[in-house]
């Protein structure tokens, strides 16, 4: 089991998960001209909170995650809600190539800082998008490592200009970014710190 398998059962009980997803989804709806004929991929979907918020704006969303426990929860939520245009998929895009579909929108939140090879995943996003499709990434600005604490092996957030340059180098155009949310996280018994979240949007030419 990975760390997200262990966290899956209690994930939806955290109000920050819902508040953050709603803020990010609202910005995506505001900044990207979503249409009912568009298909989308949520990469690292977790329990699918963001996709459930966006489902009425899109034709279909594939909720991709490499945590089997998260996927179980997504499937249960999809079944009990009766939603027809959300499909959960257990797939590791970091290690494998997805060939079954291309999309008009790829979005993710708080996932990229867990990815080891950023260039690899951006290349895969680019190759999975239809022409004129959109990429939306929400994640942490550069932080001092206290968000996850000792032992974390991912990225301590991102320099937004450097990340934008990486995305541009891959071939994306019309790149823009903005702060979209602040997480107030308790990092010790006595200390709570704010961590800002950006949303970066780019388009496949």
N, C-alpha and C. Protein backbone atom coordinates (compact mmCIF):
# COMPACT_ATOMS: atom_id res chain seq x y z
N UNK A 1 0.85 -1.21 0.00
CA UNK A 1 0.00 0.00 0.00
C UNK A 1 0.88 1.25 0.00
N UNK A 2 0.47 2.26 -0.78
CA UNK A 2 1.18 3.53 -0.70
C UNK A 2 0.53 4.43 0.33
N UNK A 3 1.11 5.61 0.54
CA UNK A 3 0.61 6.49 1.61
C UNK A 3 -0.82 6.93 1.37
N UNK A 4 -1.23 7.03 0.10
CA UNK A 4 -2.59 7.49 -0.19
C UNK A 4 -3.61 6.36 -0.03
N UNK A 5 -3.18 5.11 -0.19
CA UNK A 5 -4.06 4.00 0.17
C UNK A 5 -4.44 4.10 1.65
N UNK A 6 -3.46 4.43 2.48
CA UNK A 6 -3.70 4.51 3.92
C UNK A 6 -4.57 5.70 4.30
N UNK A 7 -4.49 6.77 3.51
CA UNK A 7 -5.24 7.99 3.82
C UNK A 7 -6.64 8.01 3.20
N UNK A 8 -6.92 7.10 2.29
CA UNK A 8 -8.12 7.18 1.47
C UNK A 8 -9.42 7.22 2.27
N UNK A 9 -9.54 6.35 3.27
CA UNK A 9 -10.80 6.21 4.00
C UNK A 9 -11.23 7.50 4.68
N UNK A 10 -10.27 8.31 5.11
CA UNK A 10 -10.61 9.53 5.85
C UNK A 10 -10.45 10.80 5.01
N UNK A 11 -10.10 10.64 3.75
CA UNK A 11 -9.77 11.80 2.91
C UNK A 11 -10.92 12.81 2.82
N UNK A 12 -12.12 12.34 2.58
CA UNK A 12 -13.27 13.23 2.38
C UNK A 12 -13.75 13.87 3.68
N UNK A 13 -13.22 13.44 4.81
CA UNK A 13 -13.63 14.02 6.08
C UNK A 13 -12.89 15.31 6.41
N UNK A 14 -11.89 15.63 5.61
CA UNK A 14 -11.10 16.85 5.83
C UNK A 14 -11.76 18.02 5.09
N UNK A 15 -12.26 19.03 5.81
CA UNK A 15 -12.95 20.13 5.14
C UNK A 15 -12.06 20.92 4.18
N UNK A 16 -10.75 20.92 4.43
CA UNK A 16 -9.83 21.62 3.52
C UNK A 16 -9.88 21.00 2.13
N UNK A 17 -10.01 19.69 2.06
CA UNK A 17 -10.10 19.00 0.76
C UNK A 17 -11.24 19.56 -0.07
N UNK A 18 -12.38 19.75 0.56
CA UNK A 18 -13.57 20.27 -0.14
C UNK A 18 -13.42 21.75 -0.48
N UNK A 19 -12.96 22.54 0.48
CA UNK A 19 -12.81 23.98 0.23
C UNK A 19 -11.81 24.24 -0.89
N UNK A 20 -10.69 23.54 -0.85
CA UNK A 20 -9.65 23.73 -1.87
C UNK A 20 -10.15 23.30 -3.24
N UNK A 21 -10.80 22.15 -3.30
CA UNK A 21 -11.32 21.66 -4.58
C UNK A 21 -12.34 22.62 -5.17
N UNK A 22 -13.20 23.16 -4.33
CA UNK A 22 -14.21 24.09 -4.83
C UNK A 22 -13.57 25.37 -5.36
N UNK A 23 -12.57 25.88 -4.65
CA UNK A 23 -11.88 27.09 -5.10
C UNK A 23 -11.20 26.87 -6.43
N UNK A 24 -10.53 25.73 -6.57
CA UNK A 24 -9.81 25.43 -7.81
C UNK A 24 -10.79 25.17 -8.95
N UNK A 25 -11.84 24.41 -8.69
CA UNK A 25 -12.83 24.13 -9.73
C UNK A 25 -13.50 25.41 -10.22
N UNK A 26 -13.79 26.30 -9.30
CA UNK A 26 -14.42 27.57 -9.69
C UNK A 26 -13.49 28.41 -10.57
N UNK A 27 -12.20 28.39 -10.26
CA UNK A 27 -11.24 29.12 -11.10
C UNK A 27 -11.10 28.47 -12.47
N UNK A 28 -11.12 27.16 -12.52
CA UNK A 28 -11.07 26.46 -13.81
C UNK A 28 -12.28 26.84 -14.65
N UNK A 29 -13.45 26.86 -14.04
CA UNK A 29 -14.67 27.22 -14.78
C UNK A 29 -14.64 28.68 -15.23
N UNK A 30 -14.01 29.51 -14.44
CA UNK A 30 -13.95 30.94 -14.77
C UNK A 30 -12.95 31.21 -15.89
N UNK A 31 -11.86 30.47 -15.93
CA UNK A 31 -10.75 30.80 -16.82
C UNK A 31 -10.68 29.94 -18.09
N UNK A 32 -11.35 28.81 -18.09
CA UNK A 32 -11.33 27.92 -19.26
C UNK A 32 -12.75 27.82 -19.81
N UNK A 33 -12.92 28.00 -21.12
CA UNK A 33 -14.26 27.92 -21.72
C UNK A 33 -14.73 26.47 -21.83
N UNK A 34 -15.20 25.93 -20.72
CA UNK A 34 -15.65 24.54 -20.71
C UNK A 34 -16.92 24.38 -21.54
N UNK A 35 -17.00 23.25 -22.24
CA UNK A 35 -18.18 22.95 -23.05
C UNK A 35 -18.63 21.52 -22.77
N UNK A 36 -19.93 21.29 -22.95
CA UNK A 36 -20.51 19.99 -22.61
C UNK A 36 -20.01 18.87 -23.50
N UNK A 37 -19.38 19.20 -24.64
CA UNK A 37 -18.86 18.14 -25.49
C UNK A 37 -17.40 17.80 -25.18
N UNK A 38 -16.82 18.46 -24.19
CA UNK A 38 -15.41 18.24 -23.86
C UNK A 38 -15.23 17.03 -22.95
N UNK A 39 -14.13 16.30 -23.19
CA UNK A 39 -13.75 15.20 -22.30
C UNK A 39 -12.53 15.64 -21.48
N UNK A 40 -12.42 15.09 -20.28
CA UNK A 40 -11.36 15.54 -19.37
C UNK A 40 -10.72 14.37 -18.64
N UNK A 41 -9.50 14.62 -18.18
CA UNK A 41 -8.77 13.68 -17.33
C UNK A 41 -8.38 14.41 -16.06
N UNK A 42 -8.78 13.87 -14.90
CA UNK A 42 -8.22 14.37 -13.65
C UNK A 42 -7.10 13.41 -13.25
N UNK A 43 -5.88 13.92 -13.25
CA UNK A 43 -4.71 13.12 -12.90
C UNK A 43 -4.48 13.21 -11.40
N UNK A 44 -4.32 12.04 -10.75
CA UNK A 44 -4.18 12.04 -9.30
C UNK A 44 -5.47 12.49 -8.64
N UNK A 45 -6.56 11.86 -9.03
CA UNK A 45 -7.90 12.36 -8.66
C UNK A 45 -8.24 12.17 -7.20
N UNK A 46 -7.51 11.30 -6.50
CA UNK A 46 -7.84 11.10 -5.08
C UNK A 46 -9.22 10.46 -4.95
N UNK A 47 -10.11 11.12 -4.24
CA UNK A 47 -11.49 10.63 -4.11
C UNK A 47 -12.42 11.31 -5.11
N UNK A 48 -11.86 12.10 -6.02
CA UNK A 48 -12.65 12.66 -7.11
C UNK A 48 -13.45 13.90 -6.79
N UNK A 49 -13.11 14.59 -5.71
CA UNK A 49 -13.90 15.74 -5.28
C UNK A 49 -13.98 16.81 -6.38
N UNK A 50 -12.86 17.15 -6.98
CA UNK A 50 -12.85 18.20 -8.01
C UNK A 50 -13.67 17.79 -9.22
N UNK A 51 -13.56 16.54 -9.62
CA UNK A 51 -14.32 16.06 -10.78
C UNK A 51 -15.83 16.08 -10.51
N UNK A 52 -16.23 15.75 -9.30
CA UNK A 52 -17.65 15.82 -8.97
C UNK A 52 -18.17 17.26 -9.08
N UNK A 53 -17.33 18.23 -8.76
CA UNK A 53 -17.74 19.63 -8.86
C UNK A 53 -17.84 20.05 -10.33
N UNK A 54 -16.97 19.52 -11.18
CA UNK A 54 -16.91 19.92 -12.59
C UNK A 54 -17.78 19.06 -13.52
N UNK A 55 -18.38 18.01 -13.01
CA UNK A 55 -19.02 17.01 -13.87
C UNK A 55 -20.12 17.57 -14.76
N UNK A 56 -20.85 18.57 -14.30
CA UNK A 56 -21.96 19.09 -15.09
C UNK A 56 -21.51 20.04 -16.20
N UNK A 57 -20.22 20.36 -16.22
CA UNK A 57 -19.68 21.27 -17.24
C UNK A 57 -18.99 20.53 -18.38
N UNK A 58 -18.88 19.19 -18.27
CA UNK A 58 -18.10 18.41 -19.23
C UNK A 58 -18.86 17.15 -19.64
N UNK A 59 -18.49 16.61 -20.80
CA UNK A 59 -19.15 15.40 -21.29
C UNK A 59 -18.76 14.19 -20.47
N UNK A 60 -17.46 14.04 -20.23
CA UNK A 60 -16.97 12.88 -19.48
C UNK A 60 -15.65 13.22 -18.82
N UNK A 61 -15.43 12.67 -17.62
CA UNK A 61 -14.16 12.84 -16.92
C UNK A 61 -13.64 11.46 -16.51
N UNK A 62 -12.39 11.18 -16.87
CA UNK A 62 -11.70 10.00 -16.37
C UNK A 62 -10.96 10.42 -15.10
N UNK A 63 -11.22 9.73 -13.99
CA UNK A 63 -10.61 10.04 -12.70
C UNK A 63 -9.47 9.04 -12.48
N UNK A 64 -8.27 9.45 -12.82
CA UNK A 64 -7.11 8.56 -12.79
C UNK A 64 -6.33 8.71 -11.48
N UNK A 65 -6.01 7.57 -10.86
CA UNK A 65 -5.18 7.59 -9.65
C UNK A 65 -4.45 6.26 -9.55
N UNK A 66 -3.25 6.29 -8.97
CA UNK A 66 -2.50 5.04 -8.81
C UNK A 66 -2.71 4.41 -7.43
N UNK A 67 -3.61 4.98 -6.63
CA UNK A 67 -3.97 4.39 -5.35
C UNK A 67 -5.24 3.55 -5.51
N UNK A 68 -5.12 2.26 -5.32
CA UNK A 68 -6.29 1.38 -5.49
C UNK A 68 -7.38 1.69 -4.48
N UNK A 69 -6.99 2.14 -3.27
CA UNK A 69 -7.99 2.46 -2.26
C UNK A 69 -8.75 3.74 -2.62
N UNK A 70 -8.05 4.73 -3.16
CA UNK A 70 -8.73 5.94 -3.63
C UNK A 70 -9.71 5.60 -4.75
N UNK A 71 -9.29 4.73 -5.65
CA UNK A 71 -10.15 4.34 -6.77
C UNK A 71 -11.39 3.59 -6.26
N UNK A 72 -11.24 2.76 -5.25
CA UNK A 72 -12.40 2.08 -4.66
C UNK A 72 -13.41 3.09 -4.13
N UNK A 73 -12.91 4.12 -3.44
CA UNK A 73 -13.81 5.13 -2.90
C UNK A 73 -14.49 5.90 -4.01
N UNK A 74 -13.73 6.25 -5.06
CA UNK A 74 -14.34 6.94 -6.20
C UNK A 74 -15.44 6.10 -6.83
N UNK A 75 -15.16 4.82 -7.04
CA UNK A 75 -16.18 3.95 -7.64
C UNK A 75 -17.43 3.86 -6.79
N UNK A 76 -17.26 3.80 -5.47
CA UNK A 76 -18.42 3.77 -4.57
C UNK A 76 -19.21 5.06 -4.66
N UNK A 77 -18.52 6.20 -4.72
CA UNK A 77 -19.20 7.49 -4.81
C UNK A 77 -19.94 7.63 -6.14
N UNK A 78 -19.32 7.18 -7.20
CA UNK A 78 -19.95 7.24 -8.52
C UNK A 78 -21.21 6.36 -8.54
N UNK A 79 -21.09 5.16 -7.97
CA UNK A 79 -22.22 4.23 -7.95
C UNK A 79 -23.38 4.76 -7.11
N UNK A 80 -23.08 5.25 -5.92
CA UNK A 80 -24.16 5.70 -5.03
C UNK A 80 -24.81 7.00 -5.51
N UNK A 81 -24.05 7.82 -6.22
CA UNK A 81 -24.60 9.09 -6.71
C UNK A 81 -25.37 8.93 -8.02
N UNK A 82 -25.10 7.82 -8.72
CA UNK A 82 -25.77 7.61 -10.00
C UNK A 82 -25.21 8.44 -11.14
N UNK A 83 -24.06 9.05 -10.94
CA UNK A 83 -23.44 9.87 -11.98
C UNK A 83 -22.99 8.98 -13.14
N UNK A 84 -23.27 9.40 -14.35
CA UNK A 84 -22.98 8.58 -15.52
C UNK A 84 -21.73 9.00 -16.27
N UNK A 85 -21.23 10.21 -16.05
CA UNK A 85 -20.13 10.71 -16.89
C UNK A 85 -18.78 10.78 -16.16
N UNK A 86 -18.68 10.10 -15.00
CA UNK A 86 -17.41 9.99 -14.29
C UNK A 86 -16.99 8.53 -14.28
N UNK A 87 -15.71 8.29 -14.62
CA UNK A 87 -15.20 6.92 -14.65
C UNK A 87 -13.85 6.87 -13.92
N UNK A 88 -13.77 6.08 -12.86
CA UNK A 88 -12.53 5.96 -12.09
C UNK A 88 -11.60 4.95 -12.76
N UNK A 89 -10.31 5.24 -12.70
CA UNK A 89 -9.32 4.39 -13.35
C UNK A 89 -8.07 4.28 -12.49
N UNK A 90 -7.71 3.06 -12.14
CA UNK A 90 -6.46 2.81 -11.40
C UNK A 90 -5.33 2.66 -12.42
N UNK A 91 -4.48 3.69 -12.51
CA UNK A 91 -3.44 3.72 -13.54
C UNK A 91 -2.29 4.59 -13.06
N UNK A 92 -1.06 4.14 -13.30
CA UNK A 92 0.13 4.88 -12.90
C UNK A 92 0.72 5.57 -14.14
N UNK A 93 0.36 6.81 -14.35
CA UNK A 93 0.79 7.53 -15.55
C UNK A 93 2.28 7.86 -15.49
N UNK A 94 2.85 7.95 -14.30
CA UNK A 94 4.29 8.19 -14.18
C UNK A 94 5.09 7.07 -14.84
N UNK A 95 4.63 5.86 -14.66
CA UNK A 95 5.41 4.69 -15.10
C UNK A 95 4.91 4.07 -16.39
N UNK A 96 3.73 4.45 -16.85
CA UNK A 96 3.15 3.81 -18.04
C UNK A 96 2.62 4.87 -19.00
N UNK A 97 2.39 4.45 -20.23
CA UNK A 97 1.84 5.34 -21.26
C UNK A 97 0.37 4.99 -21.46
N UNK A 98 -0.48 5.99 -21.35
CA UNK A 98 -1.93 5.78 -21.53
C UNK A 98 -2.27 6.02 -22.99
N UNK A 99 -2.85 5.00 -23.64
CA UNK A 99 -3.10 5.07 -25.08
C UNK A 99 -4.57 4.99 -25.46
N UNK A 100 -5.45 4.90 -24.48
CA UNK A 100 -6.85 4.61 -24.80
C UNK A 100 -7.68 5.83 -25.19
N UNK A 101 -7.18 7.03 -24.91
CA UNK A 101 -7.97 8.23 -25.22
C UNK A 101 -7.10 9.46 -25.19
N UNK A 102 -7.61 10.52 -25.82
CA UNK A 102 -7.04 11.85 -25.66
C UNK A 102 -8.14 12.76 -25.11
N UNK A 103 -7.75 13.92 -24.60
CA UNK A 103 -8.68 14.74 -23.84
C UNK A 103 -8.63 16.21 -24.26
N UNK A 104 -9.70 16.91 -23.92
CA UNK A 104 -9.77 18.35 -24.17
C UNK A 104 -9.30 19.15 -22.96
N UNK A 105 -9.24 18.49 -21.81
CA UNK A 105 -8.80 19.14 -20.57
C UNK A 105 -8.12 18.10 -19.69
N UNK A 106 -6.96 18.46 -19.16
CA UNK A 106 -6.31 17.67 -18.11
C UNK A 106 -6.12 18.59 -16.91
N UNK A 107 -6.56 18.16 -15.75
CA UNK A 107 -6.40 18.99 -14.56
C UNK A 107 -5.94 18.13 -13.38
N UNK A 108 -5.28 18.77 -12.45
CA UNK A 108 -4.86 18.10 -11.22
C UNK A 108 -4.61 19.15 -10.15
N UNK A 109 -4.71 18.72 -8.91
CA UNK A 109 -4.44 19.64 -7.80
C UNK A 109 -3.65 18.94 -6.71
N UNK A 110 -2.62 19.60 -6.25
CA UNK A 110 -1.78 19.12 -5.16
C UNK A 110 -1.20 17.74 -5.46
N UNK A 111 -0.92 17.50 -6.73
CA UNK A 111 -0.37 16.21 -7.17
C UNK A 111 1.07 16.37 -7.65
N UNK A 112 1.34 17.46 -8.36
CA UNK A 112 2.61 17.60 -9.06
C UNK A 112 3.81 17.54 -8.11
N UNK A 113 3.66 18.06 -6.90
CA UNK A 113 4.82 18.06 -6.00
C UNK A 113 5.19 16.65 -5.51
N UNK A 114 4.33 15.68 -5.79
CA UNK A 114 4.64 14.28 -5.46
C UNK A 114 5.34 13.57 -6.63
N UNK A 115 5.36 14.19 -7.80
CA UNK A 115 5.90 13.56 -9.00
C UNK A 115 7.41 13.79 -9.08
N UNK A 116 8.16 12.73 -9.27
CA UNK A 116 9.62 12.83 -9.31
C UNK A 116 10.09 13.54 -10.57
N UNK A 117 9.65 13.05 -11.73
CA UNK A 117 10.14 13.54 -13.02
C UNK A 117 9.10 14.48 -13.64
N UNK A 118 9.26 15.77 -13.40
CA UNK A 118 8.28 16.76 -13.85
C UNK A 118 8.23 16.83 -15.37
N UNK A 119 9.40 16.83 -16.03
CA UNK A 119 9.43 16.91 -17.49
C UNK A 119 8.67 15.74 -18.11
N UNK A 120 8.85 14.56 -17.56
CA UNK A 120 8.19 13.37 -18.08
C UNK A 120 6.68 13.51 -18.02
N UNK A 121 6.16 13.96 -16.89
CA UNK A 121 4.70 14.02 -16.74
C UNK A 121 4.12 15.15 -17.59
N UNK A 122 4.83 16.27 -17.73
CA UNK A 122 4.35 17.35 -18.60
C UNK A 122 4.30 16.89 -20.05
N UNK A 123 5.32 16.12 -20.46
CA UNK A 123 5.32 15.55 -21.82
C UNK A 123 4.11 14.64 -22.02
N UNK A 124 3.82 13.83 -21.02
CA UNK A 124 2.66 12.93 -21.13
C UNK A 124 1.35 13.72 -21.17
N UNK A 125 1.25 14.78 -20.38
CA UNK A 125 0.06 15.63 -20.46
C UNK A 125 -0.10 16.18 -21.88
N UNK A 126 0.99 16.69 -22.44
CA UNK A 126 0.97 17.28 -23.78
C UNK A 126 0.49 16.24 -24.80
N UNK A 127 1.02 15.04 -24.71
CA UNK A 127 0.67 14.00 -25.68
C UNK A 127 -0.75 13.48 -25.51
N UNK A 128 -1.33 13.67 -24.35
CA UNK A 128 -2.70 13.21 -24.09
C UNK A 128 -3.77 14.25 -24.42
N UNK A 129 -3.35 15.45 -24.76
CA UNK A 129 -4.31 16.51 -25.06
C UNK A 129 -4.60 16.60 -26.55
N UNK A 130 -5.85 16.85 -26.86
CA UNK A 130 -6.23 17.19 -28.23
C UNK A 130 -5.73 18.58 -28.57
N UNK A 131 -5.55 18.89 -29.86
CA UNK A 131 -5.21 20.26 -30.24
C UNK A 131 -6.22 21.25 -29.65
N UNK A 132 -5.70 22.35 -29.12
CA UNK A 132 -6.47 23.41 -28.45
C UNK A 132 -7.02 22.97 -27.09
N UNK A 133 -6.55 21.81 -26.61
CA UNK A 133 -6.95 21.37 -25.28
C UNK A 133 -6.22 22.16 -24.20
N UNK A 134 -6.71 22.06 -22.98
CA UNK A 134 -6.20 22.85 -21.86
C UNK A 134 -5.57 21.97 -20.79
N UNK A 135 -4.53 22.51 -20.17
CA UNK A 135 -3.91 21.91 -19.00
C UNK A 135 -4.08 22.87 -17.83
N UNK A 136 -4.55 22.35 -16.69
CA UNK A 136 -4.72 23.16 -15.48
C UNK A 136 -4.05 22.44 -14.31
N UNK A 137 -3.06 23.08 -13.73
CA UNK A 137 -2.31 22.49 -12.62
C UNK A 137 -2.42 23.41 -11.40
N UNK A 138 -2.88 22.87 -10.29
CA UNK A 138 -2.91 23.62 -9.04
C UNK A 138 -1.94 22.95 -8.06
N UNK A 139 -1.06 23.75 -7.49
CA UNK A 139 -0.08 23.18 -6.55
C UNK A 139 0.51 24.30 -5.70
N UNK A 140 1.46 23.93 -4.86
CA UNK A 140 2.05 24.85 -3.90
C UNK A 140 3.13 25.71 -4.54
N UNK A 141 3.13 26.97 -4.19
CA UNK A 141 4.31 27.79 -4.45
C UNK A 141 5.47 27.24 -3.61
N UNK A 142 6.69 27.62 -3.97
CA UNK A 142 7.87 27.18 -3.22
C UNK A 142 7.69 27.41 -1.72
N UNK A 143 7.95 26.37 -0.94
CA UNK A 143 7.83 26.50 0.53
C UNK A 143 9.06 25.87 1.18
N UNK A 144 9.18 26.02 2.49
CA UNK A 144 10.42 25.66 3.19
C UNK A 144 10.51 24.20 3.60
N UNK A 145 9.58 23.38 3.14
CA UNK A 145 9.60 21.96 3.48
C UNK A 145 8.72 21.60 4.66
N UNK A 146 8.15 22.60 5.30
CA UNK A 146 7.35 22.31 6.48
C UNK A 146 5.94 21.83 6.15
N UNK A 147 5.52 21.93 4.90
CA UNK A 147 4.17 21.47 4.55
C UNK A 147 4.05 19.97 4.78
N UNK A 148 5.03 19.20 4.34
CA UNK A 148 5.01 17.76 4.55
C UNK A 148 5.91 17.33 5.71
N UNK A 149 6.93 18.11 6.00
CA UNK A 149 7.82 17.78 7.10
C UNK A 149 8.94 16.83 6.71
N UNK A 150 9.64 16.34 7.70
CA UNK A 150 10.80 15.48 7.47
C UNK A 150 10.41 14.17 6.79
N UNK A 151 11.29 13.72 5.92
CA UNK A 151 11.08 12.45 5.26
C UNK A 151 10.37 12.54 3.92
N UNK A 152 9.84 13.72 3.58
CA UNK A 152 9.15 13.86 2.30
C UNK A 152 10.17 13.89 1.17
N UNK A 153 9.92 13.12 0.12
CA UNK A 153 10.89 12.99 -0.97
C UNK A 153 10.48 13.71 -2.25
N UNK A 154 9.35 14.42 -2.21
CA UNK A 154 8.89 15.14 -3.39
C UNK A 154 9.47 16.54 -3.45
N UNK A 155 8.74 17.43 -4.13
CA UNK A 155 9.17 18.81 -4.31
C UNK A 155 8.54 19.70 -3.24
N UNK A 156 9.31 20.64 -2.71
CA UNK A 156 8.77 21.60 -1.75
C UNK A 156 8.15 22.78 -2.50
N UNK A 157 7.07 22.47 -3.20
CA UNK A 157 6.41 23.48 -4.02
C UNK A 157 7.21 23.79 -5.27
N UNK A 158 6.80 24.86 -5.98
CA UNK A 158 7.42 25.19 -7.25
C UNK A 158 7.60 26.70 -7.40
N UNK A 159 8.72 27.06 -8.00
CA UNK A 159 8.91 28.42 -8.50
C UNK A 159 8.02 28.54 -9.73
N UNK A 160 7.04 29.42 -9.67
CA UNK A 160 6.01 29.45 -10.72
C UNK A 160 6.58 29.85 -12.07
N UNK A 161 7.59 30.71 -12.10
CA UNK A 161 8.19 31.11 -13.37
C UNK A 161 8.98 29.96 -13.99
N UNK A 162 9.70 29.21 -13.16
CA UNK A 162 10.45 28.06 -13.68
C UNK A 162 9.51 26.97 -14.18
N UNK A 163 8.42 26.75 -13.46
CA UNK A 163 7.45 25.75 -13.91
C UNK A 163 6.79 26.19 -15.21
N UNK A 164 6.47 27.46 -15.32
CA UNK A 164 5.89 27.99 -16.56
C UNK A 164 6.84 27.78 -17.73
N UNK A 165 8.13 28.00 -17.48
CA UNK A 165 9.14 27.82 -18.53
C UNK A 165 9.21 26.36 -18.97
N UNK A 166 9.10 25.43 -18.01
CA UNK A 166 9.10 24.01 -18.35
C UNK A 166 7.91 23.66 -19.23
N UNK A 167 6.76 24.21 -18.89
CA UNK A 167 5.55 23.94 -19.65
C UNK A 167 5.64 24.55 -21.05
N UNK A 168 6.19 25.75 -21.14
CA UNK A 168 6.37 26.40 -22.44
C UNK A 168 7.35 25.62 -23.31
N UNK A 169 8.43 25.11 -22.71
CA UNK A 169 9.43 24.35 -23.44
C UNK A 169 8.83 23.10 -24.07
N UNK A 170 7.84 22.53 -23.43
CA UNK A 170 7.18 21.34 -23.97
C UNK A 170 6.36 21.67 -25.22
N UNK A 171 5.97 22.94 -25.37
CA UNK A 171 5.19 23.34 -26.54
C UNK A 171 3.86 23.99 -26.23
N UNK A 172 3.51 24.06 -24.95
CA UNK A 172 2.26 24.70 -24.57
C UNK A 172 2.33 26.21 -24.83
N UNK A 173 1.16 26.80 -25.06
CA UNK A 173 1.06 28.24 -25.30
C UNK A 173 0.04 28.86 -24.34
N UNK A 174 -0.07 30.17 -24.40
CA UNK A 174 -1.06 30.92 -23.60
C UNK A 174 -1.00 30.53 -22.12
N UNK A 175 0.19 30.55 -21.57
CA UNK A 175 0.40 30.13 -20.18
C UNK A 175 0.12 31.30 -19.24
N UNK A 176 -0.71 31.06 -18.26
CA UNK A 176 -1.01 32.09 -17.26
C UNK A 176 -1.08 31.43 -15.89
N UNK A 177 -0.92 32.23 -14.84
CA UNK A 177 -0.99 31.66 -13.49
C UNK A 177 -1.49 32.71 -12.51
N UNK A 178 -2.02 32.23 -11.40
CA UNK A 178 -2.53 33.11 -10.36
C UNK A 178 -2.66 32.32 -9.06
N UNK A 179 -2.63 33.01 -7.96
CA UNK A 179 -2.91 32.39 -6.67
C UNK A 179 -4.41 32.09 -6.61
N UNK A 180 -4.76 30.90 -6.13
CA UNK A 180 -6.17 30.54 -6.11
C UNK A 180 -6.67 30.06 -4.75
N UNK A 181 -5.75 29.80 -3.81
CA UNK A 181 -6.20 29.28 -2.51
C UNK A 181 -5.06 29.38 -1.52
N UNK A 182 -5.39 29.46 -0.24
CA UNK A 182 -4.40 29.40 0.82
C UNK A 182 -4.79 28.31 1.81
N UNK A 183 -3.85 27.39 2.04
CA UNK A 183 -4.06 26.32 3.02
C UNK A 183 -3.45 26.76 4.35
N UNK A 184 -4.24 26.83 5.38
CA UNK A 184 -3.72 27.11 6.72
C UNK A 184 -3.54 25.77 7.42
N UNK A 185 -2.28 25.34 7.50
CA UNK A 185 -1.99 23.99 7.97
C UNK A 185 -1.26 24.03 9.30
N UNK A 186 -1.73 23.19 10.22
CA UNK A 186 -1.05 23.06 11.51
C UNK A 186 0.17 22.18 11.33
N UNK A 187 1.36 22.76 11.56
CA UNK A 187 2.60 22.01 11.35
C UNK A 187 3.23 21.55 12.66
N UNK A 188 2.71 22.04 13.78
CA UNK A 188 3.11 21.55 15.10
C UNK A 188 1.97 21.83 16.07
N UNK A 189 2.15 21.48 17.32
CA UNK A 189 1.08 21.67 18.29
C UNK A 189 0.73 23.14 18.47
N UNK A 190 1.70 24.02 18.22
CA UNK A 190 1.47 25.44 18.50
C UNK A 190 1.55 26.33 17.26
N UNK A 191 1.91 25.77 16.11
CA UNK A 191 2.15 26.60 14.93
C UNK A 191 1.24 26.19 13.77
N UNK A 192 0.54 27.18 13.21
CA UNK A 192 -0.22 27.01 11.98
C UNK A 192 0.36 27.97 10.95
N UNK A 193 0.64 27.47 9.75
CA UNK A 193 1.26 28.29 8.71
C UNK A 193 0.38 28.34 7.47
N UNK A 194 0.39 29.49 6.78
CA UNK A 194 -0.33 29.56 5.49
C UNK A 194 0.56 29.09 4.35
N UNK A 195 0.00 28.30 3.46
CA UNK A 195 0.69 27.85 2.25
C UNK A 195 -0.18 28.21 1.05
N UNK A 196 0.36 29.03 0.16
CA UNK A 196 -0.41 29.49 -1.00
C UNK A 196 -0.37 28.46 -2.12
N UNK A 197 -1.50 28.34 -2.80
CA UNK A 197 -1.67 27.42 -3.92
C UNK A 197 -1.88 28.23 -5.19
N UNK A 198 -1.14 27.89 -6.25
CA UNK A 198 -1.31 28.55 -7.54
C UNK A 198 -2.16 27.68 -8.46
N UNK A 199 -2.73 28.32 -9.47
CA UNK A 199 -3.34 27.61 -10.60
C UNK A 199 -2.65 28.11 -11.85
N UNK A 200 -2.05 27.20 -12.60
CA UNK A 200 -1.40 27.54 -13.86
C UNK A 200 -2.21 26.88 -14.99
N UNK A 201 -2.50 27.66 -16.00
CA UNK A 201 -3.29 27.16 -17.14
C UNK A 201 -2.48 27.35 -18.40
N UNK A 202 -2.49 26.34 -19.25
CA UNK A 202 -1.79 26.39 -20.53
C UNK A 202 -2.64 25.70 -21.59
N UNK A 203 -2.34 25.99 -22.86
CA UNK A 203 -3.11 25.41 -23.94
C UNK A 203 -2.21 24.68 -24.93
N UNK A 204 -2.72 23.54 -25.39
CA UNK A 204 -2.05 22.80 -26.46
C UNK A 204 -2.30 23.55 -27.77
N UNK A 205 -1.28 23.81 -28.57
CA UNK A 205 -1.50 24.55 -29.81
C UNK A 205 -2.32 23.76 -30.85
